[in-house]
Amino acid sequence: MEKVRILIADDHALVREGLRLLIETQDDMEVVGEAGDGNEAWKAARELRPDVIVMDVSMPDLNGAQATERILTTCPEIKVLAVSAYQDEAHIRQLLASGAVGYVLKKAASQELANAIRVVARGGVHLDPAIAGHVVGGYVNPVTGEIGDGGLSPRETEVLMLVAWGHTNREIAAQLHLSVKTIEGHKAKIGEKLGLTTRADIVRYALRRGWLRDE
């Protein structure tokens, strides 16, 4: 099985070392390079052409968002997974607007990071469960819950957003304090209403709706 090739970009050597150790415990991943700032990340991305860049948000010279935007201009096939201690919506939206397809908190468990890398490497989108509900909630009108999604209820919209972000039924159920069976029911109704049959369909729909990028 071909391994996912990963570039680590972080301005702290100890953090890079820790991330490398975590990643290299996974049989399906390998670290092909490291960068200590945004400019180094951009140069390394062009030279190494990794599958995924694990990108720190706050770095000197070019920050994570600036580096991501520059990298994707020249290497659009690379997937960028932001890793940060920040969990405020401003930082998250900034990275997503620059083209990152995932956001994981540094305090997350190693398995969460590994899962996030796999999701984005396959073309999916991943948002740390600790912040997913907060970000998703910002897209739904707090009074009416209406965002014009083909007759979806506010709860169905929430579920669809979390599915687009790459979360499993179990993770969505925990996030929304519902049963897995209830989530499955919502997904079935969403499929009937919108005709979305695959995960790729859902991600494309979410991108068209502007849910995965800042407007």
C-alpha atoms as a PDB file:
ATOM      1  CA  MET A   1       0.000   0.000   0.000  1.00  0.00           C
ATOM      2  CA  GLU A   2       1.356   3.410  -0.978  1.00  0.00           C
ATOM      3  CA  LYS A   3       1.946   5.624   2.043  1.00  0.00           C
ATOM      4  CA  VAL A   4       0.587   9.145   2.471  1.00  0.00           C
ATOM      5  CA  ARG A   5       3.541  11.523   2.078  1.00  0.00           C
ATOM      6  CA  ILE A   6       3.471  14.305   4.672  1.00  0.00           C
ATOM      7  CA  LEU A   7       5.306  17.609   5.145  1.00  0.00           C
ATOM      8  CA  ILE A   8       5.292  19.107   8.663  1.00  0.00           C
ATOM      9  CA  ALA A   9       5.385  22.922   8.946  1.00  0.00           C
ATOM     10  CA  ASP A  10       5.798  24.388  12.443  1.00  0.00           C
ATOM     11  CA  ASP A  11       8.196  26.968  13.853  1.00  0.00           C
ATOM     12  CA  HIS A  12       8.887  24.954  17.020  1.00  0.00           C
ATOM     13  CA  ALA A  13      11.389  22.124  16.599  1.00  0.00           C
ATOM     14  CA  LEU A  14       9.964  20.174  19.535  1.00  0.00           C
ATOM     15  CA  VAL A  15       6.473  20.317  18.052  1.00  0.00           C
ATOM     16  CA  ARG A  16       7.769  19.118  14.693  1.00  0.00           C
ATOM     17  CA  GLU A  17       9.578  16.266  16.390  1.00  0.00           C
ATOM     18  CA  GLY A  18       6.447  15.304  18.307  1.00  0.00           C
ATOM     19  CA  LEU A  19       4.293  15.392  15.191  1.00  0.00           C
ATOM     20  CA  ARG A  20       6.849  13.312  13.287  1.00  0.00           C
ATOM     21  CA  LEU A  21       6.879  10.672  16.014  1.00  0.00           C
ATOM     22  CA  LEU A  22       3.076  10.518  16.082  1.00  0.00           C
ATOM     23  CA  ILE A  23       2.769  10.292  12.309  1.00  0.00           C
ATOM     24  CA  GLU A  24       5.492   7.709  11.849  1.00  0.00           C
ATOM     25  CA  THR A  25       3.713   5.295  14.183  1.00  0.00           C
ATOM     26  CA  GLN A  26       1.094   4.951  11.436  1.00  0.00           C
ATOM     27  CA  ASP A  27       1.828   2.200   8.924  1.00  0.00           C
ATOM     28  CA  ASP A  28       0.207   4.101   6.061  1.00  0.00           C
ATOM     29  CA  MET A  29       2.069   7.411   6.500  1.00  0.00           C
ATOM     30  CA  GLU A  30       5.575   8.803   6.128  1.00  0.00           C
ATOM     31  CA  VAL A  31       7.096  12.214   6.839  1.00  0.00           C
ATOM     32  CA  VAL A  32       9.035  13.402   3.799  1.00  0.00           C
ATOM     33  CA  GLY A  33      10.136  16.791   5.111  1.00  0.00           C
ATOM     34  CA  GLU A  34       9.891  19.572   7.689  1.00  0.00           C
ATOM     35  CA  ALA A  35       9.697  23.367   7.541  1.00  0.00           C
ATOM     36  CA  GLY A  36      10.272  25.936  10.272  1.00  0.00           C
ATOM     37  CA  ASP A  37       8.320  28.845   8.782  1.00  0.00           C
ATOM     38  CA  GLY A  38       5.865  29.681   6.020  1.00  0.00           C
ATOM     39  CA  ASN A  39       8.493  30.444   3.393  1.00  0.00           C
ATOM     40  CA  GLU A  40      10.279  27.151   4.055  1.00  0.00           C
ATOM     41  CA  ALA A  41       6.927  25.346   3.815  1.00  0.00           C
ATOM     42  CA  TRP A  42       6.247  26.926   0.407  1.00  0.00           C
ATOM     43  CA  LYS A  43       9.696  25.991  -0.930  1.00  0.00           C
ATOM     44  CA  ALA A  44       9.520  22.458   0.493  1.00  0.00           C
ATOM     45  CA  ALA A  45       6.042  21.943  -0.952  1.00  0.00           C
ATOM     46  CA  ARG A  46       7.252  22.800  -4.459  1.00  0.00           C
ATOM     47  CA  GLU A  47      10.319  20.570  -4.123  1.00  0.00           C
ATOM     48  CA  LEU A  48       8.833  17.543  -2.333  1.00  0.00           C
ATOM     49  CA  ARG A  49       5.213  17.606  -3.594  1.00  0.00           C
ATOM     50  CA  PRO A  50       3.783  15.896  -0.488  1.00  0.00           C
ATOM     51  CA  ASP A  51       0.231  14.566  -0.396  1.00  0.00           C
ATOM     52  CA  VAL A  52      -0.586  16.431   2.830  1.00  0.00           C
ATOM     53  CA  ILE A  53       0.978  19.364   4.672  1.00  0.00           C
ATOM     54  CA  VAL A  54       0.383  19.512   8.418  1.00  0.00           C
ATOM     55  CA  MET A  55       0.494  23.301   8.764  1.00  0.00           C
ATOM     56  CA  ASP A  56       0.831  25.352  11.953  1.00  0.00           C
ATOM     57  CA  VAL A  57      -1.398  28.433  11.986  1.00  0.00           C
ATOM     58  CA  SER A  58       1.043  30.872  13.613  1.00  0.00           C
ATOM     59  CA  MET A  59       4.511  31.023  12.027  1.00  0.00           C
ATOM     60  CA  PRO A  60       7.041  33.772  11.165  1.00  0.00           C
ATOM     61  CA  ASP A  61       7.574  35.256   7.670  1.00  0.00           C
ATOM     62  CA  LEU A  62       4.384  33.725   6.248  1.00  0.00           C
ATOM     63  CA  ASN A  63       1.694  32.571   8.641  1.00  0.00           C
ATOM     64  CA  GLY A  64      -0.231  29.366   8.051  1.00  0.00           C
ATOM     65  CA  ALA A  65      -2.977  31.005   5.997  1.00  0.00           C
ATOM     66  CA  GLN A  66      -0.558  32.975   3.810  1.00  0.00           C
ATOM     67  CA  ALA A  67       1.654  29.937   3.246  1.00  0.00           C
ATOM     68  CA  THR A  68      -1.367  27.786   2.409  1.00  0.00           C
ATOM     69  CA  GLU A  69      -2.656  30.253  -0.160  1.00  0.00           C
ATOM     70  CA  ARG A  70       0.753  30.539  -1.824  1.00  0.00           C
ATOM     71  CA  ILE A  71       1.316  26.771  -1.840  1.00  0.00           C
ATOM     72  CA  LEU A  72      -2.068  26.007  -3.375  1.00  0.00           C
ATOM     73  CA  THR A  73      -1.519  28.585  -6.100  1.00  0.00           C
ATOM     74  CA  THR A  74       1.450  26.581  -7.387  1.00  0.00           C
ATOM     75  CA  CYS A  75       0.595  23.095  -6.071  1.00  0.00           C
ATOM     76  CA  PRO A  76      -3.224  22.841  -6.026  1.00  0.00           C
ATOM     77  CA  GLU A  77      -3.145  19.058  -5.648  1.00  0.00           C
ATOM     78  CA  ILE A  78      -1.626  19.269  -2.142  1.00  0.00           C
ATOM     79  CA  LYS A  79      -4.003  18.983   0.814  1.00  0.00           C
ATOM     80  CA  VAL A  80      -3.347  21.293   3.761  1.00  0.00           C
ATOM     81  CA  LEU A  81      -4.364  20.266   7.284  1.00  0.00           C
ATOM     82  CA  ALA A  82      -4.095  23.135   9.763  1.00  0.00           C
ATOM     83  CA  VAL A  83      -2.899  22.278  13.277  1.00  0.00           C
ATOM     84  CA  SER A  84      -3.257  24.943  15.938  1.00  0.00           C
ATOM     85  CA  ALA A  85      -3.744  25.759  19.591  1.00  0.00           C
ATOM     86  CA  TYR A  86      -6.315  28.382  18.544  1.00  0.00           C
ATOM     87  CA  GLN A  87      -9.964  27.372  18.497  1.00  0.00           C
ATOM     88  CA  ASP A  88     -11.623  30.728  17.854  1.00  0.00           C
ATOM     89  CA  GLU A  89     -13.729  31.067  14.731  1.00  0.00           C
ATOM     90  CA  ALA A  90     -11.605  33.853  13.228  1.00  0.00           C
ATOM     91  CA  HIS A  91      -8.501  31.676  12.952  1.00  0.00           C
ATOM     92  CA  ILE A  92     -10.481  28.709  11.649  1.00  0.00           C
ATOM     93  CA  ARG A  93     -12.231  30.711   8.932  1.00  0.00           C
ATOM     94  CA  GLN A  94      -8.977  32.366   7.902  1.00  0.00           C
ATOM     95  CA  LEU A  95      -7.343  28.985   7.252  1.00  0.00           C
ATOM     96  CA  LEU A  96     -10.378  27.605   5.430  1.00  0.00           C
ATOM     97  CA  ALA A  97     -10.593  30.723   3.276  1.00  0.00           C
ATOM     98  CA  SER A  98      -6.963  30.220   2.261  1.00  0.00           C
ATOM     99  CA  GLY A  99      -7.751  26.706   1.029  1.00  0.00           C
ATOM    100  CA  ALA A 100      -6.991  24.405   3.967  1.00  0.00           C
ATOM    101  CA  VAL A 101      -9.277  21.359   4.025  1.00  0.00           C
ATOM    102  CA  GLY A 102      -8.967  20.492   7.705  1.00  0.00           C
ATOM    103  CA  TYR A 103      -8.367  21.968  11.146  1.00  0.00           C
ATOM    104  CA  VAL A 104      -7.128  20.001  14.155  1.00  0.00           C
ATOM    105  CA  LEU A 105      -6.307  21.309  17.625  1.00  0.00           C
ATOM    106  CA  LYS A 106      -2.815  20.596  18.948  1.00  0.00           C
ATOM    107  CA  LYS A 107      -4.300  19.170  22.117  1.00  0.00           C
ATOM    108  CA  ALA A 108      -6.149  16.506  20.100  1.00  0.00           C
ATOM    109  CA  ALA A 109      -5.261  12.854  20.605  1.00  0.00           C
ATOM    110  CA  SER A 110      -2.776  11.316  18.210  1.00  0.00           C
ATOM    111  CA  GLN A 111      -5.492   9.139  16.672  1.00  0.00           C
ATOM    112  CA  GLU A 112      -7.549  12.249  15.871  1.00  0.00           C
ATOM    113  CA  LEU A 113      -4.607  13.681  13.942  1.00  0.00           C
ATOM    114  CA  ALA A 114      -4.040  10.419  12.081  1.00  0.00           C
ATOM    115  CA  ASN A 115      -7.724  10.190  11.154  1.00  0.00           C
ATOM    116  CA  ALA A 116      -7.714  13.798   9.961  1.00  0.00           C
ATOM    117  CA  ILE A 117      -4.710  13.153   7.713  1.00  0.00           C
ATOM    118  CA  ARG A 118      -6.426  10.121   6.176  1.00  0.00           C
ATOM    119  CA  VAL A 119      -9.645  12.065   5.555  1.00  0.00           C
ATOM    120  CA  VAL A 120      -7.979  14.987   3.771  1.00  0.00           C
ATOM    121  CA  ALA A 121      -5.604  12.698   1.841  1.00  0.00           C
ATOM    122  CA  ARG A 122      -8.688  10.945   0.395  1.00  0.00           C
ATOM    123  CA  GLY A 123     -10.131  14.281  -0.690  1.00  0.00           C
ATOM    124  CA  GLY A 124     -12.396  14.848   2.305  1.00  0.00           C
ATOM    125  CA  VAL A 125     -12.668  17.712   4.768  1.00  0.00           C
ATOM    126  CA  HIS A 126     -12.036  17.385   8.504  1.00  0.00           C
ATOM    127  CA  LEU A 127     -12.840  19.703  11.411  1.00  0.00           C
ATOM    128  CA  ASP A 128     -11.848  18.895  14.979  1.00  0.00           C
ATOM    129  CA  PRO A 129     -14.960  17.684  16.866  1.00  0.00           C
ATOM    130  CA  ALA A 130     -14.176  20.104  19.707  1.00  0.00           C
ATOM    131  CA  ILE A 131     -14.915  23.082  17.429  1.00  0.00           C
ATOM    132  CA  ALA A 132     -17.219  21.628  14.778  1.00  0.00           C
ATOM    133  CA  GLY A 133     -20.472  22.555  16.489  1.00  0.00           C
ATOM    134  CA  HIS A 134     -19.374  26.137  17.097  1.00  0.00           C
ATOM    135  CA  VAL A 135     -18.364  26.733  13.489  1.00  0.00           C
ATOM    136  CA  VAL A 136     -21.389  24.953  12.029  1.00  0.00           C
ATOM    137  CA  GLY A 137     -23.711  26.910  14.297  1.00  0.00           C
ATOM    138  CA  GLY A 138     -22.417  30.163  12.841  1.00  0.00           C
ATOM    139  CA  TYR A 139     -23.890  29.290   9.454  1.00  0.00           C
ATOM    140  CA  VAL A 140     -27.436  28.710  10.727  1.00  0.00           C
ATOM    141  CA  ASN A 141     -29.747  31.617  11.504  1.00  0.00           C
ATOM    142  CA  PRO A 142     -30.258  31.439  15.293  1.00  0.00           C
ATOM    143  CA  VAL A 143     -33.866  32.559  14.959  1.00  0.00           C
ATOM    144  CA  THR A 144     -35.232  30.777  11.905  1.00  0.00           C
ATOM    145  CA  GLY A 145     -32.549  28.196  11.139  1.00  0.00           C
ATOM    146  CA  GLU A 146     -33.098  28.944   7.443  1.00  0.00           C
ATOM    147  CA  ILE A 147     -30.246  28.934   4.948  1.00  0.00           C
ATOM    148  CA  GLY A 148     -32.137  27.869   1.833  1.00  0.00           C
ATOM    149  CA  ASP A 149     -31.157  24.215   1.519  1.00  0.00           C
ATOM    150  CA  GLY A 150     -33.919  22.549  -0.455  1.00  0.00           C
ATOM    151  CA  GLY A 151     -36.323  22.053   2.405  1.00  0.00           C
ATOM    152  CA  LEU A 152     -33.824  20.731   4.944  1.00  0.00           C
ATOM    153  CA  SER A 153     -34.665  21.304   8.582  1.00  0.00           C
ATOM    154  CA  PRO A 154     -32.102  23.138  10.748  1.00  0.00           C
ATOM    155  CA  ARG A 155     -31.102  19.792  12.320  1.00  0.00           C
ATOM    156  CA  GLU A 156     -30.703  18.117   8.921  1.00  0.00           C
ATOM    157  CA  THR A 157     -28.553  21.045   7.808  1.00  0.00           C
ATOM    158  CA  GLU A 158     -26.360  20.636  10.888  1.00  0.00           C
ATOM    159  CA  VAL A 159     -25.952  16.914  10.211  1.00  0.00           C
ATOM    160  CA  LEU A 160     -25.140  17.515   6.544  1.00  0.00           C
ATOM    161  CA  MET A 161     -22.460  20.070   7.431  1.00  0.00           C
ATOM    162  CA  LEU A 162     -20.795  17.700   9.868  1.00  0.00           C
ATOM    163  CA  VAL A 163     -20.887  14.875   7.333  1.00  0.00           C
ATOM    164  CA  ALA A 164     -19.209  17.201   4.825  1.00  0.00           C
ATOM    165  CA  TRP A 165     -16.506  17.889   7.390  1.00  0.00           C
ATOM    166  CA  GLY A 166     -15.690  14.183   7.464  1.00  0.00           C
ATOM    167  CA  HIS A 167     -17.228  13.126  10.775  1.00  0.00           C
ATOM    168  CA  THR A 168     -18.638   9.644  11.353  1.00  0.00           C
ATOM    169  CA  ASN A 169     -22.197   8.943  12.482  1.00  0.00           C
ATOM    170  CA  ARG A 170     -20.908   8.241  15.989  1.00  0.00           C
ATOM    171  CA  GLU A 171     -18.969  11.525  16.148  1.00  0.00           C
ATOM    172  CA  ILE A 172     -21.956  13.502  14.877  1.00  0.00           C
ATOM    173  CA  ALA A 173     -24.243  11.821  17.384  1.00  0.00           C
ATOM    174  CA  ALA A 174     -21.885  12.743  20.230  1.00  0.00           C
ATOM    175  CA  GLN A 175     -21.516  16.317  18.980  1.00  0.00           C
ATOM    176  CA  LEU A 176     -25.281  16.867  18.689  1.00  0.00           C
ATOM    177  CA  HIS A 177     -26.236  14.724  21.710  1.00  0.00           C
ATOM    178  CA  LEU A 178     -28.354  12.375  19.615  1.00  0.00           C
ATOM    179  CA  SER A 179     -28.354   8.640  18.987  1.00  0.00           C
ATOM    180  CA  VAL A 180     -26.511   7.106  16.039  1.00  0.00           C
ATOM    181  CA  LYS A 181     -29.845   5.760  14.791  1.00  0.00           C
ATOM    182  CA  THR A 182     -31.277   9.292  14.750  1.00  0.00           C
ATOM    183  CA  ILE A 183     -28.293  10.546  12.749  1.00  0.00           C
ATOM    184  CA  GLU A 184     -28.784   7.725  10.236  1.00  0.00           C
ATOM    185  CA  GLY A 185     -32.419   8.755   9.903  1.00  0.00           C
ATOM    186  CA  HIS A 186     -31.481  12.370   9.246  1.00  0.00           C
ATOM    187  CA  LYS A 187     -28.954  11.286   6.604  1.00  0.00           C
ATOM    188  CA  ALA A 188     -31.579   9.158   4.864  1.00  0.00           C
ATOM    189  CA  LYS A 189     -33.975  12.125   4.696  1.00  0.00           C
ATOM    190  CA  ILE A 190     -31.189  14.392   3.428  1.00  0.00           C
ATOM    191  CA  GLY A 191     -30.453  11.896   0.661  1.00  0.00           C
ATOM    192  CA  GLU A 192     -34.109  11.794  -0.346  1.00  0.00           C
ATOM    193  CA  LYS A 193     -34.441  15.588  -0.413  1.00  0.00           C
ATOM    194  CA  LEU A 194     -31.183  16.476  -2.156  1.00  0.00           C
ATOM    195  CA  GLY A 195     -30.265  13.321  -4.052  1.00  0.00           C
ATOM    196  CA  LEU A 196     -26.810  13.145  -2.438  1.00  0.00           C
ATOM    197  CA  THR A 197     -25.744   9.508  -2.561  1.00  0.00           C
ATOM    198  CA  THR A 198     -21.981   9.589  -1.986  1.00  0.00           C
ATOM    199  CA  ARG A 199     -19.573  11.424   0.285  1.00  0.00           C
ATOM    200  CA  ALA A 200     -18.081  13.169  -2.767  1.00  0.00           C
ATOM    201  CA  ASP A 201     -21.573  14.467  -3.642  1.00  0.00           C
ATOM    202  CA  ILE A 202     -21.925  15.854  -0.125  1.00  0.00           C
ATOM    203  CA  VAL A 203     -18.538  17.597  -0.158  1.00  0.00           C
ATOM    204  CA  ARG A 204     -19.228  19.157  -3.569  1.00  0.00           C
ATOM    205  CA  TYR A 205     -22.639  20.335  -2.359  1.00  0.00           C
ATOM    206  CA  ALA A 206     -21.084  21.848   0.784  1.00  0.00           C
ATOM    207  CA  LEU A 207     -18.459  23.649  -1.286  1.00  0.00           C
ATOM    208  CA  ARG A 208     -21.162  25.087  -3.571  1.00  0.00           C
ATOM    209  CA  ARG A 209     -23.096  26.279  -0.533  1.00  0.00           C
ATOM    210  CA  GLY A 210     -19.957  28.019   0.773  1.00  0.00           C
ATOM    211  CA  TRP A 211     -19.943  26.038   4.025  1.00  0.00           C
ATOM    212  CA  LEU A 212     -16.300  25.023   3.776  1.00  0.00           C
ATOM    213  CA  ARG A 213     -14.849  28.402   2.931  1.00  0.00           C
ATOM    214  CA  ASP A 214     -15.170  31.925   4.294  1.00  0.00           C
ATOM    215  CA  GLU A 215     -17.345  34.181   2.160  1.00  0.00           C
END
